[in-house]
């Protein structure tokens, strides 16, 4: 995907130069995310979102203007360039604006292993959340569950400039969490556990997260506090959250 973004931005830069800009740079940001939630072995939420943005900055002499769009059709890019150049010609000069000298550009940078190439399936995420909640409610003393959630996200970012700079990278995130309750009525306590990682294989297992959440409730509380003075509600009961020493 990042290669496609670089080609798109290179085309946008060329359009800007042909349209009257002396120099230009363009940035693209694409993101997508997926999240699921389950409570008491039933689905509560399944959400997917996708977004994309493209920003263009043009320089006309010592004047500059910036515009952005989510549309990437040839017609939309032509309109974007025309609007940016017209704006740059209308604004006051800025003696400090401009792109870096090509001799000052970075040419090499490391591979930081920031992206997992595999997108998890909905079924796999549901199974993770179900495993986490099942392990949590199986802990002795746990009386209710606020549910388990699994999430995934990916961002692709690319930057191209007319001075010769072109680079892109991607980043992913995976997460899993569960929250459970112990006790009854006004003595109800809440605790949770979670894990997050760039690569799915580095996440803790659902069973480990679930046990962690349940076993936290078995520890002697250092201080019991009631949220908002009245407590949060779950199934008509006020939930009291145990405050930890570092909070």
C-alpha atoms as a PDB file:
ATOM      1  CA  UNK A   1       0.000   0.000   0.000  1.00  0.00           C
ATOM      2  CA  UNK A   2       2.797   2.436   0.837  1.00  0.00           C
ATOM      3  CA  UNK A   3       4.239   2.033  -2.692  1.00  0.00           C
ATOM      4  CA  UNK A   4       0.867   3.051  -4.125  1.00  0.00           C
ATOM      5  CA  UNK A   5       0.841   6.109  -1.864  1.00  0.00           C
ATOM      6  CA  UNK A   6       4.303   7.160  -3.069  1.00  0.00           C
ATOM      7  CA  UNK A   7       3.191   6.925  -6.696  1.00  0.00           C
ATOM      8  CA  UNK A   8       0.050   8.926  -5.908  1.00  0.00           C
ATOM      9  CA  UNK A   9       2.037  11.671  -4.184  1.00  0.00           C
ATOM     10  CA  UNK A  10       4.648  11.824  -6.950  1.00  0.00           C
ATOM     11  CA  UNK A  11       1.839  12.362  -9.457  1.00  0.00           C
ATOM     12  CA  UNK A  12       0.350  15.094  -7.225  1.00  0.00           C
ATOM     13  CA  UNK A  13       3.717  16.873  -6.994  1.00  0.00           C
ATOM     14  CA  UNK A  14       4.132  16.805 -10.771  1.00  0.00           C
ATOM     15  CA  UNK A  15       0.640  18.226 -11.187  1.00  0.00           C
ATOM     16  CA  UNK A  16       1.536  21.052  -8.781  1.00  0.00           C
ATOM     17  CA  UNK A  17       4.738  21.957 -10.642  1.00  0.00           C
ATOM     18  CA  UNK A  18       2.927  21.935 -13.978  1.00  0.00           C
ATOM     19  CA  UNK A  19       0.171  24.005 -12.402  1.00  0.00           C
ATOM     20  CA  UNK A  20       2.467  26.883 -11.467  1.00  0.00           C
ATOM     21  CA  UNK A  21       4.164  25.913  -8.204  1.00  0.00           C
ATOM     22  CA  UNK A  22       7.920  26.393  -7.873  1.00  0.00           C
ATOM     23  CA  UNK A  23       8.139  23.586  -5.316  1.00  0.00           C
ATOM     24  CA  UNK A  24       5.771  21.332  -3.414  1.00  0.00           C
ATOM     25  CA  UNK A  25       5.460  18.473  -0.979  1.00  0.00           C
ATOM     26  CA  UNK A  26       2.572  16.111  -0.323  1.00  0.00           C
ATOM     27  CA  UNK A  27       1.615  13.821   2.552  1.00  0.00           C
ATOM     28  CA  UNK A  28      -0.787  10.881   2.533  1.00  0.00           C
ATOM     29  CA  UNK A  29      -2.235   9.160   5.583  1.00  0.00           C
ATOM     30  CA  UNK A  30      -4.399   6.043   5.313  1.00  0.00           C
ATOM     31  CA  UNK A  31      -5.784   4.230   8.333  1.00  0.00           C
ATOM     32  CA  UNK A  32      -8.093   1.333   9.074  1.00  0.00           C
ATOM     33  CA  UNK A  33      -9.220  -0.262  12.301  1.00  0.00           C
ATOM     34  CA  UNK A  34     -11.314  -3.164  13.523  1.00  0.00           C
ATOM     35  CA  UNK A  35     -12.686  -3.755  17.014  1.00  0.00           C
ATOM     36  CA  UNK A  36     -15.021  -6.270  18.633  1.00  0.00           C
ATOM     37  CA  UNK A  37     -16.550  -6.554  22.102  1.00  0.00           C
ATOM     38  CA  UNK A  38     -18.222  -9.457  23.877  1.00  0.00           C
ATOM     39  CA  UNK A  39     -19.892  -9.721  27.268  1.00  0.00           C
ATOM     40  CA  UNK A  40     -21.127 -12.860  29.002  1.00  0.00           C
ATOM     41  CA  UNK A  41     -20.474 -14.904  25.869  1.00  0.00           C
ATOM     42  CA  UNK A  42     -22.581 -12.637  23.643  1.00  0.00           C
ATOM     43  CA  UNK A  43     -21.453 -10.119  21.000  1.00  0.00           C
ATOM     44  CA  UNK A  44     -21.884  -6.462  21.967  1.00  0.00           C
ATOM     45  CA  UNK A  45     -20.044  -4.549  19.248  1.00  0.00           C
ATOM     46  CA  UNK A  46     -18.339  -5.017  15.899  1.00  0.00           C
ATOM     47  CA  UNK A  47     -16.881  -1.890  14.301  1.00  0.00           C
ATOM     48  CA  UNK A  48     -14.667  -1.229  11.308  1.00  0.00           C
ATOM     49  CA  UNK A  49     -13.474   2.172  10.151  1.00  0.00           C
ATOM     50  CA  UNK A  50     -11.338   3.384   7.276  1.00  0.00           C
ATOM     51  CA  UNK A  51     -10.086   6.857   6.489  1.00  0.00           C
ATOM     52  CA  UNK A  52      -7.657   8.503   4.119  1.00  0.00           C
ATOM     53  CA  UNK A  53      -6.297  11.999   3.764  1.00  0.00           C
ATOM     54  CA  UNK A  54      -3.954  13.727   1.335  1.00  0.00           C
ATOM     55  CA  UNK A  55      -2.330  17.069   2.065  1.00  0.00           C
ATOM     56  CA  UNK A  56      -0.532  19.268  -0.460  1.00  0.00           C
ATOM     57  CA  UNK A  57       1.742  22.222   0.240  1.00  0.00           C
ATOM     58  CA  UNK A  58       2.868  24.413  -2.649  1.00  0.00           C
ATOM     59  CA  UNK A  59       5.411  27.210  -2.880  1.00  0.00           C
ATOM     60  CA  UNK A  60       5.200  30.102  -5.307  1.00  0.00           C
ATOM     61  CA  UNK A  61       8.311  32.155  -4.732  1.00  0.00           C
ATOM     62  CA  UNK A  62       8.320  32.888  -1.016  1.00  0.00           C
ATOM     63  CA  UNK A  63       4.607  32.279  -0.652  1.00  0.00           C
ATOM     64  CA  UNK A  64       3.070  29.003   0.450  1.00  0.00           C
ATOM     65  CA  UNK A  65      -0.363  27.440   0.879  1.00  0.00           C
ATOM     66  CA  UNK A  66      -1.613  24.112   2.205  1.00  0.00           C
ATOM     67  CA  UNK A  67      -4.780  22.232   1.276  1.00  0.00           C
ATOM     68  CA  UNK A  68      -6.087  18.725   1.958  1.00  0.00           C
ATOM     69  CA  UNK A  69      -8.662  16.300   0.629  1.00  0.00           C
ATOM     70  CA  UNK A  70      -9.965  12.779   1.058  1.00  0.00           C
ATOM     71  CA  UNK A  71     -10.739  12.455  -2.654  1.00  0.00           C
ATOM     72  CA  UNK A  72      -8.085  11.021  -4.976  1.00  0.00           C
ATOM     73  CA  UNK A  73      -9.668  10.992  -8.404  1.00  0.00           C
ATOM     74  CA  UNK A  74      -7.776  12.810 -11.187  1.00  0.00           C
ATOM     75  CA  UNK A  75     -10.461  15.485 -11.184  1.00  0.00           C
ATOM     76  CA  UNK A  76     -10.198  16.004  -7.431  1.00  0.00           C
ATOM     77  CA  UNK A  77      -6.393  16.235  -7.571  1.00  0.00           C
ATOM     78  CA  UNK A  78      -6.544  18.759 -10.418  1.00  0.00           C
ATOM     79  CA  UNK A  79      -8.926  20.902  -8.358  1.00  0.00           C
ATOM     80  CA  UNK A  80      -6.704  20.506  -5.276  1.00  0.00           C
ATOM     81  CA  UNK A  81      -3.640  21.738  -7.165  1.00  0.00           C
ATOM     82  CA  UNK A  82      -5.457  24.668  -8.735  1.00  0.00           C
ATOM     83  CA  UNK A  83      -6.826  25.776  -5.379  1.00  0.00           C
ATOM     84  CA  UNK A  84      -3.452  25.454  -3.636  1.00  0.00           C
ATOM     85  CA  UNK A  85      -1.568  27.452  -6.274  1.00  0.00           C
ATOM     86  CA  UNK A  86      -4.232  30.166  -6.333  1.00  0.00           C
ATOM     87  CA  UNK A  87      -4.078  30.457  -2.543  1.00  0.00           C
ATOM     88  CA  UNK A  88      -0.273  30.636  -2.540  1.00  0.00           C
ATOM     89  CA  UNK A  89      -0.325  33.518  -5.022  1.00  0.00           C
ATOM     90  CA  UNK A  90      -2.750  35.431  -2.803  1.00  0.00           C
ATOM     91  CA  UNK A  91      -0.986  35.211   0.585  1.00  0.00           C
ATOM     92  CA  UNK A  92       1.846  37.444   1.896  1.00  0.00           C
ATOM     93  CA  UNK A  93       5.440  36.354   1.438  1.00  0.00           C
ATOM     94  CA  UNK A  94       7.171  34.316   4.129  1.00  0.00           C
ATOM     95  CA  UNK A  95      10.962  34.731   3.907  1.00  0.00           C
ATOM     96  CA  UNK A  96      11.512  31.529   5.905  1.00  0.00           C
ATOM     97  CA  UNK A  97       9.333  29.107   3.927  1.00  0.00           C
ATOM     98  CA  UNK A  98      10.728  26.517   1.586  1.00  0.00           C
ATOM     99  CA  UNK A  99      11.965  22.938   1.307  1.00  0.00           C
ATOM    100  CA  UNK A 100      15.269  21.584   2.560  1.00  0.00           C
ATOM    101  CA  UNK A 101      18.280  21.604   0.271  1.00  0.00           C
ATOM    102  CA  UNK A 102      18.608  18.201  -1.456  1.00  0.00           C
ATOM    103  CA  UNK A 103      22.115  17.839   0.016  1.00  0.00           C
ATOM    104  CA  UNK A 104      20.618  17.929   3.532  1.00  0.00           C
ATOM    105  CA  UNK A 105      18.087  15.147   2.995  1.00  0.00           C
ATOM    106  CA  UNK A 106      18.247  11.833   4.819  1.00  0.00           C
ATOM    107  CA  UNK A 107      18.859   8.992   2.389  1.00  0.00           C
ATOM    108  CA  UNK A 108      19.001   5.943   4.654  1.00  0.00           C
ATOM    109  CA  UNK A 109      17.092   4.879   7.752  1.00  0.00           C
ATOM    110  CA  UNK A 110      16.591   1.619   9.562  1.00  0.00           C
ATOM    111  CA  UNK A 111      13.846  -0.950   9.348  1.00  0.00           C
ATOM    112  CA  UNK A 112      12.052  -0.668  12.676  1.00  0.00           C
ATOM    113  CA  UNK A 113       9.666  -3.589  12.143  1.00  0.00           C
ATOM    114  CA  UNK A 114       6.608  -1.479  12.933  1.00  0.00           C
ATOM    115  CA  UNK A 115       4.010  -3.329  10.863  1.00  0.00           C
ATOM    116  CA  UNK A 116       2.409  -6.760  11.021  1.00  0.00           C
ATOM    117  CA  UNK A 117       1.582  -7.764   7.419  1.00  0.00           C
ATOM    118  CA  UNK A 118      -1.368  -9.932   8.489  1.00  0.00           C
ATOM    119  CA  UNK A 119      -4.775  -8.446   9.272  1.00  0.00           C
ATOM    120  CA  UNK A 120      -6.614 -10.587  11.847  1.00  0.00           C
ATOM    121  CA  UNK A 121      -9.970 -12.058  10.939  1.00  0.00           C
ATOM    122  CA  UNK A 122     -13.115 -11.139  12.834  1.00  0.00           C
ATOM    123  CA  UNK A 123     -13.485 -14.759  13.918  1.00  0.00           C
ATOM    124  CA  UNK A 124      -9.961 -14.801  15.366  1.00  0.00           C
ATOM    125  CA  UNK A 125     -10.587 -11.612  17.344  1.00  0.00           C
ATOM    126  CA  UNK A 126     -13.900 -12.945  18.656  1.00  0.00           C
ATOM    127  CA  UNK A 127     -12.135 -16.107  19.788  1.00  0.00           C
ATOM    128  CA  UNK A 128      -9.476 -14.055  21.603  1.00  0.00           C
ATOM    129  CA  UNK A 129     -12.079 -12.019  23.468  1.00  0.00           C
ATOM    130  CA  UNK A 130     -14.128 -15.093  24.325  1.00  0.00           C
ATOM    131  CA  UNK A 131     -11.042 -16.856  25.705  1.00  0.00           C
ATOM    132  CA  UNK A 132     -10.117 -13.848  27.824  1.00  0.00           C
ATOM    133  CA  UNK A 133     -13.564 -13.460  29.348  1.00  0.00           C
ATOM    134  CA  UNK A 134     -13.984 -17.186  29.980  1.00  0.00           C
ATOM    135  CA  UNK A 135     -10.667 -17.323  31.821  1.00  0.00           C
ATOM    136  CA  UNK A 136     -11.559 -14.255  33.892  1.00  0.00           C
ATOM    137  CA  UNK A 137     -14.997 -15.400  35.059  1.00  0.00           C
ATOM    138  CA  UNK A 138     -13.564 -18.835  35.895  1.00  0.00           C
ATOM    139  CA  UNK A 139     -11.442 -17.277  38.664  1.00  0.00           C
ATOM    140  CA  UNK A 140     -12.921 -17.939  42.096  1.00  0.00           C
ATOM    141  CA  UNK A 141     -14.608 -14.825  43.498  1.00  0.00           C
ATOM    142  CA  UNK A 142     -15.473 -13.191  40.147  1.00  0.00           C
ATOM    143  CA  UNK A 143     -19.228 -12.575  40.082  1.00  0.00           C
ATOM    144  CA  UNK A 144     -19.804 -10.645  36.847  1.00  0.00           C
ATOM    145  CA  UNK A 145     -18.105  -9.409  33.719  1.00  0.00           C
ATOM    146  CA  UNK A 146     -17.945  -6.063  31.972  1.00  0.00           C
ATOM    147  CA  UNK A 147     -16.785  -7.831  28.842  1.00  0.00           C
ATOM    148  CA  UNK A 148     -13.700  -8.349  26.711  1.00  0.00           C
ATOM    149  CA  UNK A 149     -12.532  -6.382  23.705  1.00  0.00           C
ATOM    150  CA  UNK A 150     -10.082  -7.073  20.880  1.00  0.00           C
ATOM    151  CA  UNK A 151      -8.788  -4.433  18.481  1.00  0.00           C
ATOM    152  CA  UNK A 152      -6.535  -4.016  15.457  1.00  0.00           C
ATOM    153  CA  UNK A 153      -5.364  -0.971  13.524  1.00  0.00           C
ATOM    154  CA  UNK A 154      -3.034  -0.092  10.661  1.00  0.00           C
ATOM    155  CA  UNK A 155      -1.724   3.272   9.460  1.00  0.00           C
ATOM    156  CA  UNK A 156       0.180   3.932   6.224  1.00  0.00           C
ATOM    157  CA  UNK A 157       2.035   7.237   5.881  1.00  0.00           C
ATOM    158  CA  UNK A 158       3.951   8.588   2.888  1.00  0.00           C
ATOM    159  CA  UNK A 159       5.703  11.881   2.133  1.00  0.00           C
ATOM    160  CA  UNK A 160       7.054  13.077  -1.226  1.00  0.00           C
ATOM    161  CA  UNK A 161       8.653  16.442  -2.021  1.00  0.00           C
ATOM    162  CA  UNK A 162       9.885  18.089  -5.194  1.00  0.00           C
ATOM    163  CA  UNK A 163      13.400  18.333  -3.738  1.00  0.00           C
ATOM    164  CA  UNK A 164      13.824  14.599  -4.186  1.00  0.00           C
ATOM    165  CA  UNK A 165      12.651  13.300  -0.805  1.00  0.00           C
ATOM    166  CA  UNK A 166      10.321  10.306  -0.837  1.00  0.00           C
ATOM    167  CA  UNK A 167       9.634   7.941   2.064  1.00  0.00           C
ATOM    168  CA  UNK A 168       6.850   5.886   3.557  1.00  0.00           C
ATOM    169  CA  UNK A 169       6.164   3.550   6.442  1.00  0.00           C
ATOM    170  CA  UNK A 170       3.369   1.541   7.999  1.00  0.00           C
ATOM    171  CA  UNK A 171       2.483   0.821  11.623  1.00  0.00           C
ATOM    172  CA  UNK A 172       0.081  -1.681  13.147  1.00  0.00           C
ATOM    173  CA  UNK A 173      -1.341  -2.317  16.597  1.00  0.00           C
ATOM    174  CA  UNK A 174      -3.141  -5.262  18.199  1.00  0.00           C
ATOM    175  CA  UNK A 175      -4.868  -5.152  21.588  1.00  0.00           C
ATOM    176  CA  UNK A 176      -6.887  -7.343  23.914  1.00  0.00           C
ATOM    177  CA  UNK A 177      -8.531  -6.435  27.239  1.00  0.00           C
ATOM    178  CA  UNK A 178     -11.038  -7.771  29.750  1.00  0.00           C
ATOM    179  CA  UNK A 179     -12.762  -6.277  32.804  1.00  0.00           C
ATOM    180  CA  UNK A 180     -14.538  -8.235  35.544  1.00  0.00           C
ATOM    181  CA  UNK A 181     -16.332  -7.680  38.854  1.00  0.00           C
ATOM    182  CA  UNK A 182     -16.248  -9.314  42.253  1.00  0.00           C
ATOM    183  CA  UNK A 183     -18.566  -8.967  45.211  1.00  0.00           C
ATOM    184  CA  UNK A 184     -22.188  -7.895  45.381  1.00  0.00           C
ATOM    185  CA  UNK A 185     -24.123  -4.658  45.805  1.00  0.00           C
ATOM    186  CA  UNK A 186     -22.235  -1.765  47.390  1.00  0.00           C
ATOM    187  CA  UNK A 187     -19.208  -3.997  47.924  1.00  0.00           C
ATOM    188  CA  UNK A 188     -18.714  -4.721  44.243  1.00  0.00           C
ATOM    189  CA  UNK A 189     -15.164  -4.238  42.927  1.00  0.00           C
ATOM    190  CA  UNK A 190     -13.821  -3.974  39.388  1.00  0.00           C
ATOM    191  CA  UNK A 191     -10.444  -4.767  37.850  1.00  0.00           C
ATOM    192  CA  UNK A 192      -9.015  -5.484  34.418  1.00  0.00           C
ATOM    193  CA  UNK A 193      -6.013  -6.615  32.433  1.00  0.00           C
ATOM    194  CA  UNK A 194      -4.865  -5.902  28.896  1.00  0.00           C
ATOM    195  CA  UNK A 195      -2.118  -6.472  26.364  1.00  0.00           C
ATOM    196  CA  UNK A 196      -1.020  -4.582  23.250  1.00  0.00           C
ATOM    197  CA  UNK A 197       1.659  -5.160  20.628  1.00  0.00           C
ATOM    198  CA  UNK A 198       2.732  -4.278  17.094  1.00  0.00           C
ATOM    199  CA  UNK A 199       2.612  -7.937  16.025  1.00  0.00           C
ATOM    200  CA  UNK A 200      -0.242 -10.273  16.922  1.00  0.00           C
ATOM    201  CA  UNK A 201       2.200 -13.022  17.864  1.00  0.00           C
ATOM    202  CA  UNK A 202       3.578 -10.815  20.648  1.00  0.00           C
ATOM    203  CA  UNK A 203       0.226 -10.422  22.411  1.00  0.00           C
ATOM    204  CA  UNK A 204      -0.338 -12.253  25.655  1.00  0.00           C
ATOM    205  CA  UNK A 205      -2.915 -15.006  25.303  1.00  0.00           C
ATOM    206  CA  UNK A 206      -6.557 -14.452  26.149  1.00  0.00           C
ATOM    207  CA  UNK A 207      -6.270 -17.009  28.939  1.00  0.00           C
ATOM    208  CA  UNK A 208      -3.372 -15.120  30.531  1.00  0.00           C
ATOM    209  CA  UNK A 209      -5.165 -11.779  30.312  1.00  0.00           C
ATOM    210  CA  UNK A 210      -8.353 -13.252  31.757  1.00  0.00           C
ATOM    211  CA  UNK A 211      -6.601 -14.889  34.683  1.00  0.00           C
ATOM    212  CA  UNK A 212      -4.720 -11.664  35.334  1.00  0.00           C
ATOM    213  CA  UNK A 213      -7.912  -9.644  35.577  1.00  0.00           C
ATOM    214  CA  UNK A 214      -9.599 -12.148  37.883  1.00  0.00           C
ATOM    215  CA  UNK A 215      -6.614 -12.648  40.148  1.00  0.00           C
ATOM    216  CA  UNK A 216      -6.197  -8.900  40.659  1.00  0.00           C
ATOM    217  CA  UNK A 217      -9.587  -8.948  42.374  1.00  0.00           C
ATOM    218  CA  UNK A 218      -8.403 -11.647  44.757  1.00  0.00           C
ATOM    219  CA  UNK A 219      -5.630  -9.435  46.084  1.00  0.00           C
ATOM    220  CA  UNK A 220      -6.366  -7.433  49.229  1.00  0.00           C
ATOM    221  CA  UNK A 221      -7.532  -3.940  48.169  1.00  0.00           C
ATOM    222  CA  UNK A 222      -5.341  -1.014  49.223  1.00  0.00           C
ATOM    223  CA  UNK A 223      -8.187   1.437  48.950  1.00  0.00           C
ATOM    224  CA  UNK A 224     -11.736   1.239  47.655  1.00  0.00           C
ATOM    225  CA  UNK A 225     -13.095   4.286  45.849  1.00  0.00           C
ATOM    226  CA  UNK A 226     -16.511   4.844  44.313  1.00  0.00           C
ATOM    227  CA  UNK A 227     -16.428   6.518  40.893  1.00  0.00           C
ATOM    228  CA  UNK A 228     -18.169   9.868  40.487  1.00  0.00           C
ATOM    229  CA  UNK A 229     -19.340   9.639  44.101  1.00  0.00           C
ATOM    230  CA  UNK A 230     -22.141   7.311  43.095  1.00  0.00           C
ATOM    231  CA  UNK A 231     -20.428   4.503  41.220  1.00  0.00           C
ATOM    232  CA  UNK A 232     -20.857   3.203  37.704  1.00  0.00           C
ATOM    233  CA  UNK A 233     -23.798   0.959  36.987  1.00  0.00           C
ATOM    234  CA  UNK A 234     -23.748  -2.549  35.573  1.00  0.00           C
ATOM    235  CA  UNK A 235     -26.948  -4.622  35.648  1.00  0.00           C
ATOM    236  CA  UNK A 236     -28.419  -2.108  38.090  1.00  0.00           C
ATOM    237  CA  UNK A 237     -25.600  -2.478  40.623  1.00  0.00           C
ATOM    238  CA  UNK A 238     -23.076   0.234  41.574  1.00  0.00           C
ATOM    239  CA  UNK A 239     -19.536  -0.805  40.673  1.00  0.00           C
ATOM    240  CA  UNK A 240     -16.701   0.223  42.973  1.00  0.00           C
ATOM    241  CA  UNK A 241     -13.226   0.362  41.526  1.00  0.00           C
ATOM    242  CA  UNK A 242     -10.209  -0.612  43.576  1.00  0.00           C
ATOM    243  CA  UNK A 243      -7.666   2.186  43.584  1.00  0.00           C
ATOM    244  CA  UNK A 244      -4.076   1.030  43.273  1.00  0.00           C
ATOM    245  CA  UNK A 245      -1.174   2.633  45.158  1.00  0.00           C
ATOM    246  CA  UNK A 246       0.276   4.253  42.021  1.00  0.00           C
ATOM    247  CA  UNK A 247      -2.968   5.943  40.958  1.00  0.00           C
END
